[in-house]
N, C-alpha and C. Protein backbone atom coordinates (compact mmCIF):
# COMPACT_ATOMS: atom_id res chain seq x y z
N UNK A 1 -3.91 34.44 12.83
CA UNK A 1 -3.70 34.28 14.64
C UNK A 1 -2.84 35.84 14.82
N UNK A 2 -3.33 36.74 15.34
CA UNK A 2 -3.35 37.76 16.40
C UNK A 2 -1.57 37.34 16.96
N UNK A 3 -0.76 37.96 17.08
CA UNK A 3 0.40 37.97 18.19
C UNK A 3 -0.01 38.24 19.48
N UNK A 4 -0.93 38.93 19.54
CA UNK A 4 -1.42 38.92 21.26
C UNK A 4 -3.15 38.15 21.45
N UNK A 5 -2.80 37.25 20.46
CA UNK A 5 -4.33 36.63 20.66
C UNK A 5 -4.04 35.41 20.74
N UNK A 6 -5.21 34.31 22.04
CA UNK A 6 -4.21 32.92 22.11
C UNK A 6 -5.61 32.15 21.66
N UNK A 7 -6.25 32.55 20.41
CA UNK A 7 -7.38 31.83 19.64
C UNK A 7 -6.66 31.63 18.59
N UNK A 8 -7.21 30.41 18.28
CA UNK A 8 -6.45 29.95 16.76
C UNK A 8 -7.83 28.74 16.19
N UNK A 9 -7.97 29.43 14.82
CA UNK A 9 -8.97 28.49 13.94
C UNK A 9 -8.52 27.75 13.17
N UNK A 10 -8.51 26.36 13.01
CA UNK A 10 -7.86 25.60 12.03
C UNK A 10 -9.04 25.17 11.15
N UNK A 11 -8.89 25.49 9.74
CA UNK A 11 -9.89 25.19 8.74
C UNK A 11 -9.97 24.00 7.78
N UNK A 12 -10.87 23.29 7.53
CA UNK A 12 -10.39 21.91 7.09
C UNK A 12 -11.72 22.48 5.45
N UNK A 13 -11.15 22.10 4.37
CA UNK A 13 -11.74 21.76 3.02
C UNK A 13 -11.54 20.27 2.32
N UNK A 14 -12.76 20.30 2.08
CA UNK A 14 -12.73 18.37 1.09
C UNK A 14 -14.38 18.59 0.60
N UNK A 15 -13.66 18.23 -0.42
CA UNK A 15 -14.85 18.08 -1.70
C UNK A 15 -14.48 16.94 -2.39
N UNK A 16 -15.76 15.69 -2.95
CA UNK A 16 -15.41 14.78 -3.88
C UNK A 16 -15.56 15.81 -5.30
N UNK A 17 -15.15 14.64 -6.05
CA UNK A 17 -14.36 14.90 -7.76
C UNK A 17 -16.39 15.25 -8.15
N UNK A 18 -17.21 14.82 -8.05
CA UNK A 18 -18.88 15.28 -8.66
C UNK A 18 -19.16 16.96 -7.59
N UNK A 19 -18.28 16.83 -6.13
CA UNK A 19 -19.50 17.94 -5.52
C UNK A 19 -18.42 18.89 -5.63
N UNK A 20 -17.33 19.45 -6.65
CA UNK A 20 -16.34 20.30 -7.00
C UNK A 20 -16.68 20.98 -8.02
N UNK A 21 -17.93 20.44 -8.60
CA UNK A 21 -18.44 20.86 -9.69
C UNK A 21 -19.69 21.88 -9.24
N UNK A 22 -20.01 21.67 -7.64
CA UNK A 22 -21.53 21.89 -7.42
C UNK A 22 -20.78 23.52 -6.72
N UNK A 23 -22.08 24.00 -6.03
CA UNK A 23 -21.71 25.58 -5.41
C UNK A 23 -20.76 25.56 -4.16
N UNK A 24 -20.68 24.21 -3.59
CA UNK A 24 -19.97 24.42 -1.94
C UNK A 24 -18.37 24.02 -2.44
N UNK A 25 -17.49 24.28 -4.06
CA UNK A 25 -16.69 23.51 -4.63
C UNK A 25 -15.45 23.62 -3.43
N UNK A 26 -14.26 23.52 -4.21
CA UNK A 26 -13.13 23.93 -3.33
C UNK A 26 -13.07 25.23 -2.97
N UNK A 27 -12.72 26.25 -4.02
CA UNK A 27 -12.03 27.41 -4.00
C UNK A 27 -13.21 28.16 -3.23
N UNK A 28 -14.70 27.63 -3.61
CA UNK A 28 -15.83 28.35 -2.62
C UNK A 28 -15.51 27.98 -1.13
N UNK A 29 -15.23 26.95 -0.73
CA UNK A 29 -14.91 26.89 0.47
C UNK A 29 -13.57 27.60 1.31
N UNK A 30 -12.92 27.61 0.69
CA UNK A 30 -11.75 28.40 1.00
C UNK A 30 -12.02 29.64 0.99
N UNK A 31 -12.54 30.23 0.25
CA UNK A 31 -12.64 32.24 0.10
C UNK A 31 -14.07 31.91 1.66
N UNK A 32 -14.90 31.28 1.92
CA UNK A 32 -15.67 31.32 3.05
C UNK A 32 -14.96 31.69 4.38
N UNK A 33 -13.92 30.41 4.13
CA UNK A 33 -13.09 30.15 5.62
C UNK A 33 -12.32 31.55 6.11
N UNK A 34 -11.67 31.94 4.40
CA UNK A 34 -10.73 32.68 4.95
C UNK A 34 -11.69 34.20 5.47
N UNK A 35 -12.75 34.55 4.68
CA UNK A 35 -13.98 35.73 4.89
C UNK A 35 -14.04 35.42 6.83
N UNK A 36 -13.54 34.21 7.36
CA UNK A 36 -14.20 34.08 8.65
C UNK A 36 -12.90 33.74 9.37
N UNK A 37 -11.99 34.52 9.06
CA UNK A 37 -10.44 34.41 9.68
C UNK A 37 -10.19 33.45 9.96
N UNK A 38 -10.14 32.14 9.28
CA UNK A 38 -9.75 31.10 10.14
C UNK A 38 -7.85 31.05 9.66
N UNK A 39 -7.38 30.96 10.78
CA UNK A 39 -5.79 31.03 10.50
C UNK A 39 -4.89 30.23 9.49
N UNK A 40 -5.57 28.70 9.76
CA UNK A 40 -4.92 27.62 8.93
C UNK A 40 -5.70 26.85 8.31
N UNK A 41 -5.52 26.81 6.55
CA UNK A 41 -6.45 25.42 6.35
C UNK A 41 -5.94 24.43 5.31
N UNK A 42 -6.40 23.24 5.98
CA UNK A 42 -6.09 22.09 5.16
C UNK A 42 -7.04 21.52 4.12
N UNK A 43 -7.04 21.06 2.89
CA UNK A 43 -7.72 20.83 2.19
C UNK A 43 -7.61 19.55 1.12
N UNK A 44 -8.10 18.72 0.92
CA UNK A 44 -8.77 17.60 -0.16
C UNK A 44 -9.39 17.24 -0.55
N UNK A 45 -9.47 16.38 -1.73
CA UNK A 45 -10.50 16.04 -2.82
C UNK A 45 -10.33 14.78 -2.24
N UNK A 46 -11.50 14.05 -1.69
CA UNK A 46 -11.68 13.02 -1.01
C UNK A 46 -12.86 12.50 -0.87
N UNK A 47 -13.61 10.87 -0.89
CA UNK A 47 -14.71 10.93 -0.05
C UNK A 47 -15.07 11.49 1.21
N UNK A 48 -16.20 11.89 1.99
CA UNK A 48 -16.50 11.89 3.03
C UNK A 48 -16.74 10.65 3.51
N UNK A 49 -16.91 9.50 2.97
CA UNK A 49 -17.05 8.39 3.81
C UNK A 49 -16.02 7.54 3.95
N UNK A 50 -14.73 8.11 3.39
CA UNK A 50 -13.38 7.73 4.06
C UNK A 50 -12.87 8.13 4.88
N UNK A 51 -12.47 6.93 6.05
CA UNK A 51 -11.95 7.40 7.60
C UNK A 51 -10.72 8.14 7.37
N UNK A 52 -9.55 7.29 6.68
CA UNK A 52 -8.20 7.66 5.83
C UNK A 52 -8.20 8.77 5.21
N UNK A 53 -8.42 10.23 6.06
CA UNK A 53 -8.15 11.45 5.29
C UNK A 53 -6.36 12.21 5.80
N UNK A 54 -5.23 12.29 4.92
CA UNK A 54 -4.40 12.66 5.04
C UNK A 54 -4.62 13.97 5.84
N UNK A 55 -4.90 14.59 4.69
CA UNK A 55 -5.09 16.25 4.98
C UNK A 55 -6.21 16.60 6.44
N UNK A 56 -6.93 15.92 6.43
CA UNK A 56 -7.65 16.05 7.35
C UNK A 56 -7.25 15.19 9.07
N UNK A 57 -6.77 14.61 8.62
CA UNK A 57 -5.65 13.93 10.04
C UNK A 57 -4.54 14.89 10.56
N UNK A 58 -4.22 15.64 9.24
CA UNK A 58 -2.87 16.93 9.63
C UNK A 58 -3.78 17.79 10.54
N UNK A 59 -4.84 18.28 9.74
CA UNK A 59 -5.68 19.81 10.62
C UNK A 59 -5.64 19.14 11.95
N UNK A 60 -6.43 17.99 12.56
CA UNK A 60 -6.45 17.52 13.94
C UNK A 60 -5.26 17.70 14.56
N UNK A 61 -4.18 16.59 13.84
CA UNK A 61 -3.00 17.15 14.70
C UNK A 61 -2.18 18.34 15.03
N UNK A 62 -2.63 19.34 14.26
CA UNK A 62 -2.81 20.67 14.62
C UNK A 62 -3.28 21.21 15.47
N UNK A 63 -4.74 20.87 15.28
CA UNK A 63 -5.43 21.35 16.78
C UNK A 63 -4.90 21.02 18.23
N UNK A 64 -4.14 19.98 17.93
CA UNK A 64 -3.93 18.80 19.07
C UNK A 64 -2.77 19.42 19.93
N UNK A 65 -1.67 19.72 18.70
CA UNK A 65 -0.95 20.58 18.90
C UNK A 65 -0.77 21.80 19.99
N UNK A 66 -1.62 22.49 19.32
CA UNK A 66 -2.23 24.09 19.56
C UNK A 66 -2.67 23.79 20.91
N UNK A 67 -3.27 23.05 20.93
CA UNK A 67 -4.26 22.93 22.26
C UNK A 67 -3.49 23.03 23.41
N UNK A 68 -2.52 22.16 23.32
CA UNK A 68 -1.44 21.72 24.30
C UNK A 68 -0.72 22.79 24.55
N UNK A 69 -0.51 23.22 23.96
CA UNK A 69 0.59 24.49 23.95
C UNK A 69 -0.50 25.60 24.93
N UNK A 70 -1.72 25.60 25.02
CA UNK A 70 -2.74 26.46 25.54
C UNK A 70 -3.64 27.36 25.09
N UNK A 71 -3.54 26.94 23.86
CA UNK A 71 -3.59 28.05 22.87
C UNK A 71 -5.74 27.36 23.06
N UNK A 72 -6.61 28.61 22.61
CA UNK A 72 -7.86 28.11 22.56
C UNK A 72 -8.40 28.23 20.67
N UNK A 73 -8.25 26.68 20.94
CA UNK A 73 -8.54 26.51 19.25
C UNK A 73 -9.82 25.67 19.08
N UNK A 74 -10.20 26.28 17.22
CA UNK A 74 -11.39 25.91 17.17
C UNK A 74 -11.45 25.16 15.58
N UNK A 75 -11.87 23.98 16.16
CA UNK A 75 -11.98 23.41 14.15
C UNK A 75 -12.74 24.03 13.61
N UNK A 76 -12.68 24.65 12.26
CA UNK A 76 -13.84 24.94 11.54
C UNK A 76 -14.20 24.70 10.09
N UNK A 77 -15.23 23.97 10.03
CA UNK A 77 -15.77 24.02 8.66
C UNK A 77 -17.16 24.52 8.03
N UNK A 78 -17.12 24.32 6.80
CA UNK A 78 -18.40 25.35 6.04
C UNK A 78 -19.36 24.71 6.09
N UNK A 79 -19.37 23.24 6.10
CA UNK A 79 -20.59 22.75 6.35
C UNK A 79 -20.47 21.36 6.88
N UNK A 80 -21.32 20.28 7.57
CA UNK A 80 -20.76 19.62 8.56
C UNK A 80 -20.63 18.41 8.06
N UNK A 81 -21.05 17.91 6.58
CA UNK A 81 -20.63 16.76 6.62
C UNK A 81 -18.77 16.99 5.27
N UNK A 82 -18.64 18.04 5.87
CA UNK A 82 -17.39 18.09 5.62
C UNK A 82 -16.34 17.04 6.09
N UNK A 83 -16.91 17.19 7.26
CA UNK A 83 -16.22 16.54 8.40
C UNK A 83 -16.50 14.79 8.22
N UNK A 84 -17.71 14.61 7.94
CA UNK A 84 -17.89 12.94 7.90
C UNK A 84 -19.14 12.94 7.21
N UNK A 85 -19.30 12.06 6.28
CA UNK A 85 -20.83 11.58 5.85
C UNK A 85 -21.24 10.68 6.82
N UNK A 86 -20.53 9.78 7.55
CA UNK A 86 -21.41 8.65 8.45
C UNK A 86 -21.00 9.38 9.61
N UNK A 87 -22.81 9.11 10.50
CA UNK A 87 -22.40 9.66 11.73
C UNK A 87 -21.54 9.25 13.34
N UNK A 88 -21.55 8.02 12.55
CA UNK A 88 -20.39 7.37 13.77
C UNK A 88 -19.38 8.06 13.83
N UNK A 89 -18.68 8.14 12.24
CA UNK A 89 -17.47 8.86 12.62
C UNK A 89 -17.71 10.05 13.23
N UNK A 90 -18.36 10.63 12.12
CA UNK A 90 -18.79 12.47 12.93
C UNK A 90 -19.08 12.63 14.27
N UNK A 91 -19.74 11.74 14.81
CA UNK A 91 -19.69 11.96 16.46
C UNK A 91 -17.89 11.26 17.38
N UNK A 92 -17.82 10.64 16.70
CA UNK A 92 -16.25 10.46 17.62
C UNK A 92 -15.32 10.98 17.18
N UNK A 93 -15.35 12.08 15.79
CA UNK A 93 -13.99 12.71 15.75
C UNK A 93 -14.71 14.02 16.62
N UNK A 94 -15.95 14.26 16.83
CA UNK A 94 -16.27 15.52 17.61
C UNK A 94 -16.18 15.45 18.92
N UNK A 95 -16.22 13.71 19.54
CA UNK A 95 -16.04 13.32 21.07
C UNK A 95 -14.51 13.41 20.97
N UNK A 96 -13.81 13.83 20.31
CA UNK A 96 -12.65 13.77 20.29
C UNK A 96 -11.97 14.79 20.31
N UNK A 97 -12.36 15.72 19.47
CA UNK A 97 -11.97 17.16 19.52
C UNK A 97 -12.51 17.91 21.04
N UNK A 98 -13.52 17.38 21.61
CA UNK A 98 -14.29 17.66 23.19
C UNK A 98 -13.11 17.10 24.26
N UNK A 99 -12.77 15.89 24.03
CA UNK A 99 -11.32 15.46 25.37
C UNK A 99 -10.59 16.29 24.66
N UNK A 100 -10.06 16.69 23.46
CA UNK A 100 -8.54 17.65 23.28
C UNK A 100 -8.73 19.03 23.90
N UNK A 101 -10.30 19.51 24.69
CA UNK A 101 -10.30 20.89 24.50
C UNK A 101 -10.54 21.89 23.38
N UNK A 102 -10.72 21.24 22.17
CA UNK A 102 -10.71 21.60 20.99
C UNK A 102 -12.00 22.09 20.63
N UNK A 103 -12.12 23.35 20.26
CA UNK A 103 -14.11 23.40 20.09
C UNK A 103 -14.59 23.55 18.41
N UNK A 104 -15.88 23.06 18.11
CA UNK A 104 -15.85 22.88 17.29
C UNK A 104 -17.03 23.47 15.73
N UNK A 105 -16.65 24.10 14.94
CA UNK A 105 -17.83 25.04 14.47
C UNK A 105 -17.69 24.74 13.13
N UNK A 106 -19.14 24.80 12.19
CA UNK A 106 -19.80 24.27 11.26
C UNK A 106 -20.41 26.21 10.57
N UNK A 107 -20.22 26.86 9.70
CA UNK A 107 -20.65 27.74 9.48
C UNK A 107 -22.13 27.79 8.88
N UNK A 108 -22.44 26.84 7.67
CA UNK A 108 -23.57 26.87 7.18
C UNK A 108 -25.00 26.12 8.17
N UNK A 109 -24.03 25.73 9.01
CA UNK A 109 -25.33 25.51 9.95
C UNK A 109 -25.53 25.93 11.34
N UNK A 110 -24.64 26.99 11.57
CA UNK A 110 -24.20 27.80 12.62
C UNK A 110 -24.03 26.88 14.17
N UNK A 111 -23.10 26.14 13.88
CA UNK A 111 -22.83 24.95 14.87
C UNK A 111 -22.01 25.51 15.74
N UNK A 112 -21.72 25.59 17.08
CA UNK A 112 -20.67 25.87 17.70
C UNK A 112 -21.11 25.49 19.00
N UNK A 113 -19.71 24.46 19.24
CA UNK A 113 -20.26 23.12 20.04
C UNK A 113 -19.62 23.53 21.86
N UNK A 114 -19.03 25.01 21.78
CA UNK A 114 -18.93 25.77 22.58
C UNK A 114 -19.92 25.93 23.76
N UNK A 115 -21.61 25.62 23.20
CA UNK A 115 -23.01 25.55 24.03
C UNK A 115 -23.53 24.22 23.88
N UNK A 116 -24.20 23.90 24.95
CA UNK A 116 -25.16 22.67 24.84
C UNK A 116 -26.37 23.01 23.48
N UNK A 117 -26.47 24.07 23.38
CA UNK A 117 -27.62 23.97 22.23
C UNK A 117 -26.56 23.41 20.79
N UNK A 118 -25.83 24.31 20.81
CA UNK A 118 -24.79 24.09 19.60
C UNK A 118 -24.47 22.06 19.42
N UNK A 119 -24.21 21.84 20.55
CA UNK A 119 -24.39 19.77 20.51
C UNK A 119 -25.50 19.77 19.98
N UNK A 120 -26.26 19.95 20.86
CA UNK A 120 -27.65 19.20 20.47
C UNK A 120 -27.86 19.07 18.87
N UNK A 121 -28.33 20.85 18.23
CA UNK A 121 -28.42 20.86 17.01
C UNK A 121 -27.11 20.17 16.13
N UNK A 122 -26.31 19.97 16.39
CA UNK A 122 -24.50 19.30 15.83
C UNK A 122 -25.32 17.47 15.29
N UNK A 123 -25.99 17.03 16.42
CA UNK A 123 -26.70 15.86 16.41
C UNK A 123 -27.50 15.48 15.88
N UNK A 124 -28.74 16.62 16.00
CA UNK A 124 -29.97 16.33 14.73
C UNK A 124 -29.47 16.21 13.48
N UNK A 125 -28.69 17.56 13.39
CA UNK A 125 -27.93 17.23 11.84
C UNK A 125 -27.22 16.57 10.89
N UNK A 126 -26.83 16.19 12.35
CA UNK A 126 -25.71 14.94 11.70
C UNK A 126 -26.47 13.31 11.31
N UNK A 127 -27.89 13.40 11.74
CA UNK A 127 -28.67 12.32 11.79
C UNK A 127 -29.05 12.52 10.51
N UNK A 128 -29.97 13.82 10.35
CA UNK A 128 -30.85 13.93 9.08
C UNK A 128 -29.48 14.20 8.01
N UNK A 129 -28.46 14.78 8.00
CA UNK A 129 -27.27 14.06 7.17
C UNK A 129 -27.38 13.01 6.38
N UNK A 130 -26.94 11.86 7.35
CA UNK A 130 -26.52 10.74 7.10
C UNK A 130 -28.07 10.06 6.01
N UNK A 131 -28.98 10.89 6.79
CA UNK A 131 -30.71 10.19 6.18
C UNK A 131 -30.27 10.33 4.74
N UNK A 132 -30.31 11.32 5.05
CA UNK A 132 -30.46 12.22 3.16
C UNK A 132 -29.57 11.48 2.13
N UNK A 133 -28.30 10.99 2.28
CA UNK A 133 -27.40 10.49 1.91
C UNK A 133 -27.65 8.95 1.55
N UNK A 134 -28.25 7.85 2.19
CA UNK A 134 -28.95 7.11 2.62
C UNK A 134 -29.97 7.16 1.59
N UNK A 135 -31.10 7.85 1.83
CA UNK A 135 -32.29 7.57 0.69
C UNK A 135 -31.74 8.32 -0.80
N UNK A 136 -30.90 9.32 -0.87
CA UNK A 136 -30.41 9.56 -2.56
C UNK A 136 -29.57 7.90 -2.63
N UNK A 137 -28.90 7.49 -1.93
CA UNK A 137 -28.15 6.42 -2.30
C UNK A 137 -29.33 4.85 -2.91
N UNK A 138 -30.28 4.92 -1.95
CA UNK A 138 -31.32 4.30 -2.51
C UNK A 138 -32.11 4.49 -3.48
N UNK A 139 -32.24 5.54 -3.76
CA UNK A 139 -33.08 6.34 -5.02
C UNK A 139 -32.31 6.04 -6.15
N UNK A 140 -31.03 6.32 -6.07
CA UNK A 140 -30.26 6.21 -7.47
C UNK A 140 -30.17 4.61 -7.75
N UNK A 141 -29.81 3.52 -6.88
CA UNK A 141 -30.23 2.31 -7.37
C UNK A 141 -31.42 1.71 -7.79
N UNK A 142 -32.34 2.52 -7.51
CA UNK A 142 -33.71 1.86 -7.62
C UNK A 142 -33.72 2.05 -9.07
N UNK A 143 -33.43 3.70 -9.24
CA UNK A 143 -33.37 4.20 -10.77
C UNK A 143 -32.69 3.35 -11.83
N UNK A 144 -31.38 2.80 -11.37
CA UNK A 144 -30.50 2.31 -12.20
C UNK A 144 -31.10 0.54 -12.37
N UNK A 145 -31.54 -0.10 -11.16
CA UNK A 145 -32.54 -1.28 -11.40
C UNK A 145 -33.71 -1.15 -12.91
N UNK A 146 -34.85 -0.02 -12.65
CA UNK A 146 -35.51 0.40 -13.81
C UNK A 146 -35.29 0.57 -14.66
N UNK A 147 -34.06 1.07 -15.27
CA UNK A 147 -32.88 1.67 -16.02
C UNK A 147 -33.21 0.25 -17.02
N UNK A 148 -32.34 -0.82 -15.82
CA UNK A 148 -32.15 -2.14 -16.55
C UNK A 148 -33.19 -2.93 -16.90
N UNK A 149 -34.33 -2.97 -16.53
CA UNK A 149 -35.63 -3.78 -16.24
C UNK A 149 -36.51 -2.91 -17.72
N UNK A 150 -35.95 -1.69 -18.11
CA UNK A 150 -36.67 -1.03 -19.32
C UNK A 150 -35.66 -1.47 -20.41
N UNK A 151 -34.39 -2.28 -20.56
CA UNK A 151 -34.05 -2.40 -21.63
C UNK A 151 -32.75 -1.30 -22.04
N UNK A 152 -32.94 -0.22 -20.93
CA UNK A 152 -31.65 0.51 -21.06
C UNK A 152 -30.23 0.69 -21.03
N UNK A 153 -29.46 0.77 -21.66
CA UNK A 153 -27.93 0.58 -21.56
C UNK A 153 -27.43 1.21 -21.02
N UNK A 154 -26.30 0.92 -19.66
CA UNK A 154 -26.09 2.03 -18.83
C UNK A 154 -24.42 1.77 -18.88
N UNK A 155 -23.74 3.18 -18.77
CA UNK A 155 -22.26 3.08 -18.63
C UNK A 155 -21.82 3.92 -19.66
N UNK A 156 -20.64 3.56 -20.27
CA UNK A 156 -20.22 3.75 -21.62
C UNK A 156 -20.92 3.21 -22.40
N UNK A 157 -21.20 4.22 -23.61
CA UNK A 157 -21.45 3.65 -24.93
C UNK A 157 -20.03 2.70 -26.11
N UNK A 158 -20.65 1.40 -26.18
CA UNK A 158 -19.95 1.21 -26.89
C UNK A 158 -19.85 1.49 -28.17
N UNK A 159 -18.95 0.97 -28.84
CA UNK A 159 -18.63 1.04 -30.33
C UNK A 159 -18.08 0.31 -31.00
N UNK A 160 -18.90 0.29 -32.48
CA UNK A 160 -18.31 -0.53 -33.83
C UNK A 160 -17.01 -0.65 -33.76
N UNK A 161 -15.96 -1.97 -33.83
CA UNK A 161 -14.81 -2.72 -33.74
C UNK A 161 -14.22 -1.60 -35.30
N UNK A 162 -14.83 -1.14 -36.41
CA UNK A 162 -14.78 -0.88 -37.77
C UNK A 162 -14.31 0.54 -37.11
N UNK A 163 -15.39 1.30 -36.14
CA UNK A 163 -14.90 2.87 -35.62
C UNK A 163 -13.83 2.96 -34.96
N UNK A 164 -13.67 2.04 -33.77
CA UNK A 164 -12.43 1.65 -33.10
C UNK A 164 -11.60 1.45 -33.83
N UNK A 165 -11.37 0.98 -34.91
CA UNK A 165 -10.52 0.79 -35.46
C UNK A 165 -9.70 2.18 -36.67
N UNK A 166 -10.79 2.65 -37.13
CA UNK A 166 -11.01 4.07 -37.84
C UNK A 166 -10.41 4.95 -37.00
N UNK A 167 -10.50 5.04 -35.67
CA UNK A 167 -10.17 6.30 -34.60
C UNK A 167 -8.30 6.18 -34.45
N UNK A 168 -8.52 4.29 -34.53
CA UNK A 168 -6.86 4.22 -33.99
C UNK A 168 -5.81 4.43 -35.02
N UNK A 169 -6.20 4.47 -36.61
CA UNK A 169 -5.22 4.46 -37.53
C UNK A 169 -5.39 6.15 -37.76
N UNK A 170 -6.31 6.76 -37.92
CA UNK A 170 -6.38 8.26 -37.96
C UNK A 170 -5.97 9.05 -36.50
N UNK A 171 -5.87 8.95 -35.53
CA UNK A 171 -4.90 9.18 -34.47
C UNK A 171 -3.44 8.86 -34.67
N UNK A 172 -3.24 7.72 -35.37
CA UNK A 172 -1.51 7.68 -35.31
C UNK A 172 -1.34 8.66 -36.32
N UNK A 173 -2.07 9.12 -37.12
CA UNK A 173 -1.43 9.85 -38.19
C UNK A 173 -1.40 11.41 -37.78
N UNK A 174 -0.17 12.09 -36.98
CA UNK A 174 0.01 13.38 -36.74
C UNK A 174 -0.28 14.49 -37.05
N UNK A 175 -0.68 14.46 -38.81
CA UNK A 175 -1.05 15.42 -39.84
C UNK A 175 -2.54 15.71 -39.58
N UNK A 176 -3.16 14.66 -38.79
CA UNK A 176 -4.81 14.77 -38.52
C UNK A 176 -4.95 15.31 -36.87
N UNK A 177 -5.99 16.43 -36.98
CA UNK A 177 -5.85 16.66 -35.53
C UNK A 177 -7.03 15.92 -34.35
N UNK A 178 -6.68 16.21 -32.86
CA UNK A 178 -7.75 14.99 -32.47
C UNK A 178 -9.45 15.33 -32.74
N UNK A 179 -9.52 17.07 -32.93
CA UNK A 179 -11.06 17.22 -33.53
C UNK A 179 -11.23 16.81 -34.84
N UNK A 180 -10.85 17.01 -35.64
CA UNK A 180 -11.21 16.39 -37.00
C UNK A 180 -11.28 14.58 -36.68
N UNK A 181 -10.30 14.14 -36.10
CA UNK A 181 -10.62 12.62 -35.71
C UNK A 181 -11.80 12.43 -35.86
N UNK A 182 -12.31 13.15 -34.83
CA UNK A 182 -13.71 12.96 -33.85
C UNK A 182 -14.53 13.56 -34.86
N UNK A 183 -14.73 14.53 -35.58
CA UNK A 183 -15.62 14.75 -36.86
C UNK A 183 -15.57 13.45 -37.88
N UNK A 184 -14.55 12.85 -38.52
CA UNK A 184 -14.79 12.33 -39.30
C UNK A 184 -14.97 11.11 -38.67
N UNK A 185 -15.36 10.46 -37.87
CA UNK A 185 -15.28 9.33 -36.56
C UNK A 185 -16.90 9.46 -36.84
N UNK A 186 -17.43 10.44 -36.18
CA UNK A 186 -18.95 10.44 -35.72
C UNK A 186 -18.50 10.19 -34.14
N UNK A 187 -17.31 10.75 -33.25
CA UNK A 187 -17.49 10.55 -32.00
C UNK A 187 -17.30 12.11 -31.60
N UNK A 188 -16.73 11.82 -30.01
CA UNK A 188 -16.61 12.92 -29.31
C UNK A 188 -15.06 12.82 -29.50
N UNK A 189 -14.69 14.07 -28.82
CA UNK A 189 -13.03 13.84 -28.57
C UNK A 189 -12.51 13.20 -27.47
N UNK A 190 -13.57 13.13 -26.47
CA UNK A 190 -12.92 12.57 -25.22
C UNK A 190 -12.92 11.16 -25.52
N UNK A 191 -14.06 10.44 -26.52
CA UNK A 191 -13.59 9.09 -26.95
C UNK A 191 -12.85 8.51 -27.69
N UNK A 192 -12.01 9.98 -28.70
CA UNK A 192 -11.44 9.27 -29.44
C UNK A 192 -10.02 9.52 -28.10
N UNK A 193 -9.71 10.21 -27.56
CA UNK A 193 -8.54 10.04 -26.34
C UNK A 193 -8.87 8.56 -25.66
N UNK A 194 -10.08 8.70 -25.17
CA UNK A 194 -10.51 7.31 -24.55
C UNK A 194 -9.03 5.69 -25.36
N UNK A 195 -10.06 5.57 -26.52
CA UNK A 195 -9.80 4.56 -27.26
C UNK A 195 -8.51 5.08 -27.57
N UNK A 196 -7.60 6.06 -27.90
CA UNK A 196 -6.36 6.51 -27.82
C UNK A 196 -5.80 5.76 -26.69
N UNK A 197 -6.06 6.01 -25.61
CA UNK A 197 -5.63 5.06 -24.26
C UNK A 197 -5.48 4.17 -23.80
N UNK A 198 -6.62 3.39 -24.67
CA UNK A 198 -7.17 1.89 -24.43
C UNK A 198 -5.83 1.32 -25.38
N UNK A 199 -6.03 1.74 -26.46
CA UNK A 199 -4.52 1.42 -26.79
C UNK A 199 -3.43 1.95 -27.11
N UNK A 200 -2.65 2.38 -26.12
CA UNK A 200 -1.45 2.74 -25.50
C UNK A 200 -1.03 3.93 -26.56
N UNK A 201 -1.88 4.59 -27.45
CA UNK A 201 -1.32 5.14 -28.17
C UNK A 201 -0.59 6.59 -28.28
N UNK A 202 0.38 7.25 -28.01
CA UNK A 202 1.17 8.46 -28.58
C UNK A 202 0.97 9.36 -29.84
N UNK A 203 0.80 10.61 -29.41
CA UNK A 203 0.94 11.67 -30.69
C UNK A 203 2.29 12.31 -30.69
N UNK A 204 3.38 11.68 -29.82
CA UNK A 204 4.76 12.73 -29.81
C UNK A 204 5.40 12.40 -30.90
N UNK A 205 5.03 12.84 -32.43
CA UNK A 205 5.36 12.88 -33.50
C UNK A 205 5.87 14.02 -34.30
N UNK A 206 6.56 14.33 -35.42
CA UNK A 206 6.95 15.50 -35.75
C UNK A 206 6.31 15.58 -37.43
N UNK A 207 5.72 16.60 -37.58
CA UNK A 207 4.57 16.81 -38.65
C UNK A 207 5.16 16.05 -39.95
N UNK A 208 4.24 15.52 -40.39
CA UNK A 208 4.75 14.72 -41.81
C UNK A 208 4.95 13.25 -41.70
N UNK A 209 5.30 12.56 -40.02
CA UNK A 209 5.64 11.24 -40.02
C UNK A 209 4.70 10.38 -39.95
N UNK A 210 3.94 10.53 -40.88
CA UNK A 210 2.33 9.36 -40.68
C UNK A 210 2.64 8.04 -40.64
N UNK A 211 2.04 7.08 -39.95
CA UNK A 211 1.46 5.67 -40.16
C UNK A 211 0.93 5.51 -40.97
N UNK A 212 0.43 6.10 -41.84
CA UNK A 212 -1.13 5.91 -42.61
C UNK A 212 -0.19 5.87 -44.63
N UNK A 213 1.52 6.29 -44.68
CA UNK A 213 1.75 6.42 -45.67
C UNK A 213 2.14 4.96 -46.05
């Protein structure tokens, strides 16, 4: 924010755990907002279907405080669904911003609510976004149901009790690395850690203090 400028842009970044591994991940959104000269950036990792989002509320509160002080405030996101994945919530949020004289901008969709065209585009894209999410959810449920009918086992693979016990015994020996445990038990290192966690095991022992002596 320039000392001589009355305009302020507040940015918001949101990802879920899965989305953070995709193209519009955490750092990518921050970079895009910075490239667009956003003054303040609030960010968090949380589902877009949750209404209670701490950092989002902080960003909105910041917008309202600056607007009351006479600044021309714009709330900025990289993509429309960063605000919310629920159309009802999205429209309520944008109506609230409008009531507080706060403009809204979505960079990817090129939406700017300072114009009537921008408002119309926002409403149309919000409807399509929610439709896409619901369609994907329905397809996923159908795919899972079909997998069950086909006899496929879903979720984490189960392991024979003998293998689990072997992992436990070897993991408790600090002279054996986790990689070696995984190789000898023919499981992944991640599985080794998961079994160790399930059994509340710790490897904070000195070399040679084996439990297998």
